[in-house]
Amino acid sequence: MYESMILWLASYPKSGNTMLRSLIAAYFFTKDGNFNFEALGFINQFPDVKFFKNLEIDIYDDTEVTKNYIRAQQEINKKDKNSMRFLKTHSTLHDIGGNKFTDLHNSLGAIYIVRDPRNVVKSYANHNQMNLDIATNALKSFRVLGGNRNASNDADRIRTHVGSWSSHYNTWKVFDKLNKYLLVKYEDLVKDTEKTFIQILNFIYKLNNVKLIIDKKKLQNAIKTTSFKNLQSLEEKMNFPEAVKDQENNSVKFFKYGPKNDGKESLPKELKKIIEDSFVKEMKELNYLV
């Protein structure tokens, strides 16, 4: 029997998953902690077509793919036995057509990164090249992303069932009941990166029953080289592989707003009210509203 070795890095889109993955990639997958875009290649997205190619199914049939989520994860765990595997996902934990996204036989735990939805909406609109009204409605709706067979990014060629902002956040709490869940607020990760990242490292090592001994040099290098300003600079110098294309096939700037994006101040009042009314329970729970 293979062991559960998948550690999920889960979030609603545009909530800080890239910063989280960058820190983890710099610390675990570089020699000195200095981040580079290539290091992100060690943290794959799920679902991704490559995890289903050997299952002899139609990878563009969404029903077949969701039926085989667990089977694909079993194959990952068999291949990576005795080595933990970080996987990024924007998937909800809702059952899709009666099929579960994952289970405890395949999951070591989950780090869930959340961001104030008033700030998510502006980044979401930019990333998907839509106006703020449509983006606001998107956060309230059960969304399915991807499914573009011609996408340059393999992960975008397969569908991801995202759900709404609130349902996404709520479904992942199931891991909390099992003490296999760490909630990270993007705002904390930006405001006090060192303290928050050490909490993340503690959680990772605890799940693996290993005592944490921090490599201080790697920690400081990881923090320094994954600052939003540095990530923007890297994107200027080279194309960020996860950036989408606009209608003219130009890359849409991925690292555009970051921590300076304050929807509490910049969002139109009517959209701000829609978001706050729609997610009042969760936003109060997360202290985004008082």
Protein backbone atom coordinates (compact mmCIF):
# COMPACT_ATOMS: atom_id res chain seq x y z
CA MET A 1 0.00 0.00 0.00
CA TYR A 2 1.44 3.36 -1.06
CA GLU A 3 1.50 6.27 1.34
CA SER A 4 -0.39 9.56 1.01
CA MET A 5 2.14 12.07 -0.22
CA ILE A 6 0.18 14.84 -1.99
CA LEU A 7 0.16 18.16 -0.17
CA TRP A 8 -2.37 20.47 -1.78
CA LEU A 9 -1.64 24.16 -2.29
CA ALA A 10 -5.22 25.25 -2.82
CA SER A 11 -6.80 28.61 -3.54
CA TYR A 12 -9.43 30.42 -5.49
CA PRO A 13 -7.77 31.98 -8.58
CA LYS A 14 -5.82 35.21 -8.06
CA SER A 15 -5.56 34.74 -4.29
CA GLY A 16 -1.81 34.48 -3.80
CA ASN A 17 -1.11 30.88 -4.83
CA THR A 18 1.80 31.98 -6.98
CA MET A 19 3.51 33.75 -4.08
CA LEU A 20 2.96 30.70 -1.86
CA ARG A 21 4.36 28.34 -4.49
CA SER A 22 7.27 30.65 -5.21
CA LEU A 23 8.35 30.64 -1.57
CA ILE A 24 8.02 26.87 -1.32
CA ALA A 25 9.81 26.31 -4.63
CA ALA A 26 12.66 28.62 -3.66
CA TYR A 27 13.12 26.92 -0.29
CA PHE A 28 12.74 23.29 -1.34
CA PHE A 29 13.81 23.20 -4.99
CA THR A 30 16.83 25.50 -5.25
CA LYS A 31 20.28 25.12 -3.75
CA ASP A 32 20.51 28.56 -2.17
CA GLY A 33 16.89 29.73 -1.86
CA ASN A 34 17.16 32.19 -4.75
CA PHE A 35 13.91 31.96 -6.70
CA ASN A 36 13.61 31.48 -10.45
CA PHE A 37 10.63 30.64 -12.64
CA GLU A 38 12.09 27.21 -13.45
CA ALA A 39 11.74 26.20 -9.79
CA LEU A 40 7.96 26.52 -10.12
CA GLY A 41 8.12 23.56 -12.51
CA PHE A 42 8.55 21.29 -9.50
CA ILE A 43 5.03 22.18 -8.34
CA ASN A 44 2.51 21.01 -10.92
CA GLN A 45 -1.15 21.88 -11.18
CA PHE A 46 -3.96 19.39 -10.77
CA PRO A 47 -5.86 18.62 -12.87
CA ASP A 48 -3.39 18.67 -15.75
CA VAL A 49 -3.62 16.59 -18.92
CA LYS A 50 -0.27 14.90 -18.27
CA PHE A 51 -1.65 13.12 -15.19
CA PHE A 52 -4.40 11.48 -17.26
CA LYS A 53 -2.61 10.57 -20.50
CA ASN A 54 -1.65 7.08 -19.33
CA LEU A 55 -5.11 6.22 -17.97
CA GLU A 56 -6.49 5.43 -21.44
CA ILE A 57 -9.38 7.87 -21.19
CA ASP A 58 -10.53 10.80 -23.29
CA ILE A 59 -8.76 13.65 -21.53
CA TYR A 60 -11.16 16.14 -23.14
CA ASP A 61 -14.24 14.38 -21.78
CA ASP A 62 -14.90 16.20 -18.52
CA THR A 63 -17.02 13.37 -17.12
CA GLU A 64 -14.26 10.85 -17.74
CA VAL A 65 -11.66 13.12 -16.19
CA THR A 66 -13.62 13.77 -12.99
CA LYS A 67 -14.34 10.05 -12.65
CA ASN A 68 -10.60 9.44 -12.72
CA TYR A 69 -9.38 12.19 -10.36
CA ILE A 70 -8.68 9.66 -7.60
CA ARG A 71 -7.12 7.14 -9.95
CA ALA A 72 -4.75 9.79 -11.34
CA GLN A 73 -3.73 10.74 -7.80
CA GLN A 74 -3.13 7.09 -6.94
CA GLU A 75 -0.71 6.89 -9.86
CA ILE A 76 1.07 10.05 -8.68
CA ASN A 77 1.47 8.59 -5.20
CA LYS A 78 2.71 5.25 -6.53
CA LYS A 79 5.30 7.01 -8.67
CA ASP A 80 6.39 9.37 -5.90
CA LYS A 81 6.27 6.87 -3.05
CA ASN A 82 8.20 8.03 0.02
CA SER A 83 8.58 11.56 -1.36
CA MET A 84 6.09 14.35 -0.71
CA ARG A 85 4.52 15.96 -3.76
CA PHE A 86 3.26 19.55 -3.74
CA LEU A 87 0.34 20.07 -6.10
CA LYS A 88 -1.31 23.40 -6.86
CA THR A 89 -5.05 23.45 -7.44
CA HIS A 90 -7.86 25.92 -8.00
CA SER A 91 -10.43 23.14 -7.77
CA THR A 92 -13.30 23.18 -5.32
CA LEU A 93 -13.80 20.12 -3.13
CA HIS A 94 -17.43 19.81 -4.22
CA ASP A 95 -18.35 16.41 -5.61
CA ILE A 96 -18.59 16.76 -9.40
CA GLY A 97 -21.21 14.45 -10.86
CA GLY A 98 -20.88 12.28 -7.77
CA ASN A 99 -17.09 12.12 -8.11
CA LYS A 100 -14.77 13.36 -5.38
CA PHE A 101 -11.80 15.57 -6.15
CA THR A 102 -9.55 13.74 -3.68
CA ASP A 103 -9.64 11.57 -0.57
CA LEU A 104 -7.60 10.92 2.55
CA HIS A 105 -5.89 7.91 1.00
CA ASN A 106 -4.19 10.24 -1.46
CA SER A 107 -3.85 13.52 0.41
CA LEU A 108 -1.34 14.36 3.10
CA GLY A 109 -3.04 17.66 3.83
CA ALA A 110 -3.83 21.11 2.45
CA ILE A 111 -2.46 24.61 2.68
CA TYR A 112 -5.28 26.95 1.74
CA ILE A 113 -4.47 30.53 0.80
CA VAL A 114 -7.31 33.03 0.91
CA ARG A 115 -7.52 36.68 -0.11
CA ASP A 116 -10.06 39.43 0.48
CA PRO A 117 -12.54 38.98 -2.40
CA ARG A 118 -12.68 42.75 -2.90
CA ASN A 119 -9.05 42.46 -3.96
CA VAL A 120 -9.43 39.16 -5.81
CA VAL A 121 -12.00 40.64 -8.19
CA LYS A 122 -9.70 43.27 -9.71
CA SER A 123 -6.87 40.80 -10.32
CA TYR A 124 -9.38 38.25 -11.62
CA ALA A 125 -10.76 40.80 -14.10
CA ASN A 126 -7.27 41.65 -15.38
CA HIS A 127 -6.18 38.02 -15.69
CA ASN A 128 -9.32 36.97 -17.57
CA GLN A 129 -9.58 40.19 -19.60
CA MET A 130 -13.10 41.00 -18.40
CA ASN A 131 -14.70 44.05 -16.82
CA LEU A 132 -15.26 44.36 -13.08
CA ASP A 133 -19.01 43.75 -13.31
CA ILE A 134 -18.49 40.39 -15.02
CA ALA A 135 -15.66 39.50 -12.64
CA THR A 136 -17.85 40.30 -9.62
CA ASN A 137 -20.59 38.03 -10.95
CA ALA A 138 -17.96 35.35 -11.62
CA LEU A 139 -16.91 35.26 -7.96
CA LYS A 140 -20.55 34.63 -7.01
CA SER A 141 -21.10 31.90 -9.61
CA PHE A 142 -20.08 28.26 -9.80
CA ARG A 143 -17.25 28.64 -12.30
CA VAL A 144 -15.49 26.13 -14.51
CA LEU A 145 -12.16 27.25 -15.98
CA GLY A 146 -9.94 25.86 -18.73
CA GLY A 147 -10.95 23.29 -21.30
CA ASN A 148 -9.12 25.04 -24.13
CA ARG A 149 -7.58 22.24 -26.22
CA ASN A 150 -5.23 24.68 -27.95
CA ALA A 151 -3.89 26.31 -24.78
CA SER A 152 -0.11 26.52 -24.58
CA ASN A 153 -0.26 25.64 -20.89
CA ASP A 154 -1.21 21.95 -20.44
CA ALA A 155 -3.15 22.69 -17.26
CA ASP A 156 -5.44 25.06 -19.20
CA ARG A 157 -6.34 22.33 -21.69
CA ILE A 158 -8.33 20.48 -19.04
CA ARG A 159 -11.32 21.81 -17.09
CA THR A 160 -11.06 22.87 -13.45
CA HIS A 161 -14.25 23.11 -11.39
CA VAL A 162 -13.67 26.21 -9.26
CA GLY A 163 -17.08 26.95 -7.76
CA SER A 164 -17.79 30.35 -6.22
CA TRP A 165 -15.37 32.23 -3.97
CA SER A 166 -17.31 31.26 -0.83
CA SER A 167 -17.97 27.62 -1.75
CA HIS A 168 -14.32 27.17 -2.67
CA TYR A 169 -13.19 28.47 0.71
CA ASN A 170 -15.76 26.45 2.66
CA THR A 171 -15.26 23.07 0.98
CA TRP A 172 -11.53 22.92 1.72
CA LYS A 173 -12.22 23.23 5.46
CA VAL A 174 -12.85 19.46 5.55
CA PHE A 175 -9.10 19.02 6.09
CA ASP A 176 -9.29 21.23 9.17
CA LYS A 177 -11.39 18.62 10.97
CA LEU A 178 -8.48 16.21 10.60
CA ASN A 179 -5.72 18.62 11.66
CA LYS A 180 -4.34 18.47 8.12
CA TYR A 181 -5.18 22.06 7.16
CA LEU A 182 -3.35 25.35 7.31
CA LEU A 183 -5.23 28.54 6.44
CA VAL A 184 -2.97 31.30 5.15
CA LYS A 185 -4.24 34.80 4.44
CA TYR A 186 -2.51 36.42 1.49
CA GLU A 187 -2.46 39.67 3.41
CA ASP A 188 -0.42 38.06 6.21
CA LEU A 189 1.95 36.45 3.73
CA VAL A 190 2.68 39.88 2.25
CA LYS A 191 2.72 41.87 5.51
CA ASP A 192 4.87 39.49 7.55
CA THR A 193 6.36 37.06 5.07
CA GLU A 194 8.98 35.55 7.38
CA LYS A 195 6.62 34.80 10.26
CA THR A 196 3.92 33.39 7.97
CA PHE A 197 6.32 31.29 5.90
CA ILE A 198 7.85 29.79 9.04
CA GLN A 199 4.31 28.76 10.06
CA ILE A 200 3.96 27.14 6.65
CA LEU A 201 7.26 25.30 7.04
CA ASN A 202 6.25 24.11 10.50
CA PHE A 203 3.02 22.73 9.09
CA ILE A 204 4.79 20.92 6.24
CA TYR A 205 7.37 19.31 8.51
CA LYS A 206 4.73 18.39 11.10
CA LEU A 207 2.66 16.57 8.47
CA ASN A 208 5.77 14.59 7.57
CA ASN A 209 6.60 13.87 11.22
CA VAL A 210 9.98 15.55 10.80
CA LYS A 211 11.52 18.12 13.13
CA LEU A 212 11.89 21.52 11.48
CA ILE A 213 15.42 22.87 11.34
CA ILE A 214 15.32 26.10 9.36
CA ASP A 215 18.04 26.89 6.86
CA LYS A 216 18.24 30.60 7.66
CA LYS A 217 20.18 31.52 4.53
CA LYS A 218 17.71 29.79 2.23
CA LEU A 219 14.81 31.31 4.16
CA GLN A 220 16.10 34.86 3.79
CA ASN A 221 16.98 34.37 0.12
CA ALA A 222 13.56 32.88 -0.58
CA ILE A 223 11.80 35.82 1.05
CA LYS A 224 13.96 38.39 -0.71
CA THR A 225 13.68 36.92 -4.20
CA THR A 226 9.93 36.25 -4.08
CA SER A 227 8.90 39.78 -3.17
CA PHE A 228 6.22 41.14 -5.48
CA LYS A 229 8.67 43.73 -6.80
CA ASN A 230 11.21 41.06 -7.66
CA LEU A 231 8.59 38.86 -9.33
CA GLN A 232 7.51 41.85 -11.42
CA SER A 233 11.15 42.41 -12.40
CA LEU A 234 11.55 38.76 -13.41
CA GLU A 235 8.41 38.96 -15.54
CA GLU A 236 9.79 42.04 -17.29
CA LYS A 237 12.99 40.17 -18.16
CA MET A 238 11.39 36.91 -19.27
CA ASN A 239 7.91 35.64 -20.00
CA PHE A 240 6.09 34.19 -17.03
CA PRO A 241 4.95 30.71 -18.20
CA GLU A 242 1.55 30.97 -16.50
CA ALA A 243 0.58 34.33 -18.03
CA VAL A 244 -2.41 34.19 -20.37
CA LYS A 245 -2.66 35.80 -23.82
CA ASP A 246 -4.99 38.60 -24.85
CA GLN A 247 -6.92 38.75 -28.13
CA GLU A 248 -3.80 40.06 -29.91
CA ASN A 249 -1.80 37.10 -28.53
CA ASN A 250 0.19 39.34 -26.22
CA SER A 251 0.96 38.17 -22.69
CA VAL A 252 -1.29 39.72 -20.07
CA LYS A 253 0.84 41.03 -17.23
CA PHE A 254 0.51 38.50 -14.40
CA PHE A 255 2.21 40.45 -11.60
CA LYS A 256 0.26 43.68 -12.03
CA TYR A 257 -1.51 44.72 -8.83
CA GLY A 258 -0.21 42.68 -5.90
CA PRO A 259 -0.42 44.12 -2.35
CA LYS A 260 -1.13 47.65 -3.64
CA ASN A 261 -4.52 46.45 -4.90
CA ASP A 262 -7.01 47.69 -2.29
CA GLY A 263 -10.55 46.91 -3.37
CA LYS A 264 -11.92 48.46 -0.19
CA GLU A 265 -10.89 51.83 -1.63
CA SER A 266 -10.73 51.41 -5.40
CA LEU A 267 -13.77 49.25 -6.22
CA PRO A 268 -16.95 51.03 -7.32
CA LYS A 269 -19.27 51.27 -4.32
CA GLU A 270 -22.02 49.17 -5.92
CA LEU A 271 -19.65 46.29 -6.70
CA LYS A 272 -18.04 46.50 -3.27
CA LYS A 273 -21.50 46.20 -1.69
CA ILE A 274 -22.41 43.20 -3.88
CA ILE A 275 -19.28 41.35 -2.79
CA GLU A 276 -19.71 42.21 0.89
CA ASP A 277 -23.38 41.23 0.88
CA SER A 278 -22.69 37.99 -0.99
CA PHE A 279 -19.83 36.83 1.23
CA VAL A 280 -20.63 38.53 4.54
CA LYS A 281 -20.44 35.31 6.58
CA GLU A 282 -17.04 34.24 5.27
CA MET A 283 -15.60 37.76 5.26
CA LYS A 284 -16.53 38.26 8.92
CA GLU A 285 -15.08 34.86 9.77
CA LEU A 286 -11.81 35.93 8.12
CA ASN A 287 -11.92 39.43 9.69
CA TYR A 288 -12.21 41.10 6.30
CA LEU A 289 -15.43 42.64 7.68
CA VAL A 290 -16.19 43.60 11.27
